Amino acid sequence: MTTAHPPLAYSVAQAAAIANLGRSTLYKAIANGDLVARKGYGRRTIILGDEFRAFLARLPTIHS
């Protein structure tokens, strides 16, 4: 029996698709310091899974 593990890291494109956000929105959050990202080998920007989940949890809630 295998247990599925969440990915350790996401590309900006993967994170944008998962969260239904634009890539530019994520890059702005990175530039503002709201989302921690790292440079992988080469030019790719990666977002660790824990950092991504924490960023999403910090988004404002909507109260009606």
N, C-alpha and C. Protein backbone atom coordinates (compact mmCIF):
# COMPACT_ATOMS: atom_id res chain seq x y z
N MET A 1 0.85 -1.18 0.00
CA MET A 1 0.00 0.00 0.00
C MET A 1 0.89 1.23 0.00
N THR A 2 0.68 2.13 -0.96
CA THR A 2 1.47 3.35 -1.02
C THR A 2 0.63 4.52 -0.53
N THR A 3 1.28 5.45 0.12
CA THR A 3 0.61 6.63 0.62
C THR A 3 1.06 7.81 -0.23
N ALA A 4 0.12 8.57 -0.76
CA ALA A 4 0.46 9.74 -1.56
C ALA A 4 0.95 10.86 -0.65
N HIS A 5 2.04 11.46 -1.05
CA HIS A 5 2.61 12.59 -0.30
C HIS A 5 2.44 13.85 -1.14
N PRO A 6 2.14 14.97 -0.49
CA PRO A 6 2.06 16.21 -1.27
C PRO A 6 3.45 16.56 -1.80
N PRO A 7 3.53 17.26 -2.92
CA PRO A 7 4.84 17.62 -3.47
C PRO A 7 5.65 18.45 -2.49
N LEU A 8 6.96 18.29 -2.52
CA LEU A 8 7.84 19.09 -1.68
C LEU A 8 7.91 20.53 -2.15
N ALA A 9 7.78 20.73 -3.47
CA ALA A 9 7.87 22.08 -4.03
C ALA A 9 7.04 22.17 -5.30
N TYR A 10 6.70 23.41 -5.65
CA TYR A 10 5.92 23.69 -6.85
C TYR A 10 6.64 24.75 -7.67
N SER A 11 6.48 24.69 -8.97
CA SER A 11 6.90 25.80 -9.81
C SER A 11 5.85 26.90 -9.64
N VAL A 12 6.18 28.10 -10.09
CA VAL A 12 5.20 29.19 -10.00
C VAL A 12 3.97 28.84 -10.84
N ALA A 13 4.17 28.26 -12.01
CA ALA A 13 3.04 27.88 -12.87
C ALA A 13 2.16 26.83 -12.19
N GLN A 14 2.78 25.84 -11.54
CA GLN A 14 2.00 24.81 -10.85
C GLN A 14 1.22 25.42 -9.69
N ALA A 15 1.86 26.27 -8.89
CA ALA A 15 1.19 26.90 -7.75
C ALA A 15 0.03 27.77 -8.22
N ALA A 16 0.23 28.50 -9.31
CA ALA A 16 -0.83 29.36 -9.85
C ALA A 16 -2.03 28.52 -10.28
N ALA A 17 -1.77 27.41 -10.94
CA ALA A 17 -2.85 26.55 -11.40
C ALA A 17 -3.60 25.93 -10.22
N ILE A 18 -2.87 25.49 -9.21
CA ILE A 18 -3.50 24.86 -8.05
C ILE A 18 -4.39 25.84 -7.30
N ALA A 19 -3.90 27.07 -7.11
CA ALA A 19 -4.63 28.06 -6.32
C ALA A 19 -5.58 28.91 -7.16
N ASN A 20 -5.60 28.67 -8.49
CA ASN A 20 -6.43 29.46 -9.39
C ASN A 20 -6.08 30.95 -9.29
N LEU A 21 -4.78 31.23 -9.23
CA LEU A 21 -4.26 32.59 -9.20
C LEU A 21 -3.38 32.79 -10.41
N GLY A 22 -3.17 34.03 -10.80
CA GLY A 22 -2.28 34.31 -11.92
C GLY A 22 -0.82 34.22 -11.50
N ARG A 23 0.03 33.89 -12.46
CA ARG A 23 1.47 33.84 -12.17
C ARG A 23 1.97 35.20 -11.70
N SER A 24 1.48 36.28 -12.33
CA SER A 24 1.93 37.62 -11.93
C SER A 24 1.52 37.94 -10.50
N THR A 25 0.37 37.42 -10.07
CA THR A 25 -0.06 37.61 -8.67
C THR A 25 0.92 36.94 -7.72
N LEU A 26 1.36 35.74 -8.07
CA LEU A 26 2.32 35.05 -7.20
C LEU A 26 3.67 35.74 -7.22
N TYR A 27 4.12 36.20 -8.38
CA TYR A 27 5.39 36.92 -8.43
C TYR A 27 5.33 38.22 -7.62
N LYS A 28 4.17 38.89 -7.63
CA LYS A 28 4.00 40.10 -6.81
C LYS A 28 4.06 39.74 -5.33
N ALA A 29 3.42 38.64 -4.93
CA ALA A 29 3.46 38.19 -3.53
C ALA A 29 4.90 37.86 -3.12
N ILE A 30 5.67 37.28 -4.03
CA ILE A 30 7.07 36.98 -3.75
C ILE A 30 7.85 38.28 -3.57
N ALA A 31 7.65 39.23 -4.48
CA ALA A 31 8.36 40.52 -4.41
C ALA A 31 8.02 41.28 -3.14
N ASN A 32 6.76 41.17 -2.68
CA ASN A 32 6.32 41.86 -1.46
C ASN A 32 6.76 41.15 -0.19
N GLY A 33 7.27 39.95 -0.32
CA GLY A 33 7.67 39.18 0.86
C GLY A 33 6.53 38.40 1.49
N ASP A 34 5.38 38.36 0.82
CA ASP A 34 4.24 37.62 1.35
C ASP A 34 4.34 36.13 1.08
N LEU A 35 5.12 35.76 0.08
CA LEU A 35 5.31 34.36 -0.30
C LEU A 35 6.81 34.12 -0.46
N VAL A 36 7.31 33.15 0.26
CA VAL A 36 8.73 32.82 0.19
C VAL A 36 8.96 31.85 -0.97
N ALA A 37 9.91 32.20 -1.82
CA ALA A 37 10.25 31.34 -2.96
C ALA A 37 11.77 31.17 -2.97
N ARG A 38 12.21 30.20 -3.71
CA ARG A 38 13.64 29.91 -3.82
C ARG A 38 13.98 29.71 -5.29
N LYS A 39 15.24 29.86 -5.59
CA LYS A 39 15.71 29.57 -6.93
C LYS A 39 16.23 28.15 -6.95
N GLY A 40 15.68 27.35 -7.84
CA GLY A 40 16.18 26.00 -8.02
C GLY A 40 17.44 26.07 -8.87
N TYR A 41 17.93 24.96 -9.27
CA TYR A 41 19.07 24.96 -10.17
C TYR A 41 18.63 25.59 -11.48
N GLY A 42 19.44 26.48 -12.00
CA GLY A 42 19.06 27.18 -13.21
C GLY A 42 18.19 28.38 -12.88
N ARG A 43 17.23 28.65 -13.73
CA ARG A 43 16.42 29.86 -13.60
C ARG A 43 15.08 29.63 -12.92
N ARG A 44 14.70 28.39 -12.70
CA ARG A 44 13.37 28.09 -12.19
C ARG A 44 13.19 28.59 -10.75
N THR A 45 12.07 29.24 -10.52
CA THR A 45 11.67 29.67 -9.17
C THR A 45 10.77 28.58 -8.61
N ILE A 46 11.06 28.15 -7.39
CA ILE A 46 10.23 27.13 -6.76
C ILE A 46 9.67 27.64 -5.44
N ILE A 47 8.54 27.10 -5.08
CA ILE A 47 7.87 27.44 -3.83
C ILE A 47 7.71 26.15 -3.06
N LEU A 48 8.27 26.11 -1.87
CA LEU A 48 8.13 24.91 -1.05
C LEU A 48 6.67 24.72 -0.66
N GLY A 49 6.26 23.47 -0.59
CA GLY A 49 4.87 23.15 -0.30
C GLY A 49 4.37 23.77 1.00
N ASP A 50 5.18 23.70 2.05
CA ASP A 50 4.77 24.27 3.33
C ASP A 50 4.60 25.78 3.25
N GLU A 51 5.51 26.45 2.52
CA GLU A 51 5.42 27.91 2.35
C GLU A 51 4.16 28.27 1.56
N PHE A 52 3.85 27.47 0.54
CA PHE A 52 2.68 27.73 -0.29
C PHE A 52 1.40 27.58 0.52
N ARG A 53 1.32 26.51 1.30
CA ARG A 53 0.12 26.30 2.13
C ARG A 53 -0.02 27.41 3.17
N ALA A 54 1.10 27.86 3.76
CA ALA A 54 1.05 28.95 4.74
C ALA A 54 0.59 30.25 4.08
N PHE A 55 1.07 30.52 2.87
CA PHE A 55 0.65 31.71 2.13
C PHE A 55 -0.86 31.68 1.90
N LEU A 56 -1.37 30.55 1.44
CA LEU A 56 -2.81 30.44 1.20
C LEU A 56 -3.61 30.61 2.48
N ALA A 57 -3.11 30.08 3.58
CA ALA A 57 -3.81 30.19 4.86
C ALA A 57 -3.84 31.63 5.37
N ARG A 58 -2.86 32.45 4.97
CA ARG A 58 -2.80 33.85 5.40
C ARG A 58 -3.66 34.78 4.54
N LEU A 59 -4.20 34.30 3.43
CA LEU A 59 -5.05 35.15 2.61
C LEU A 59 -6.26 35.58 3.42
N PRO A 60 -6.74 36.80 3.16
CA PRO A 60 -7.86 37.31 3.96
C PRO A 60 -9.12 36.47 3.78
N THR A 61 -9.87 36.39 4.84
CA THR A 61 -11.15 35.69 4.79
C THR A 61 -12.24 36.68 4.42
N ILE A 62 -13.31 36.17 3.87
CA ILE A 62 -14.44 37.02 3.48
C ILE A 62 -15.56 36.78 4.49
N HIS A 63 -16.04 37.86 5.06
CA HIS A 63 -17.16 37.77 6.00
C HIS A 63 -18.34 38.48 5.36
N SER A 64 -19.45 37.79 5.31
CA SER A 64 -20.64 38.40 4.68
C SER A 64 -21.54 39.03 5.70
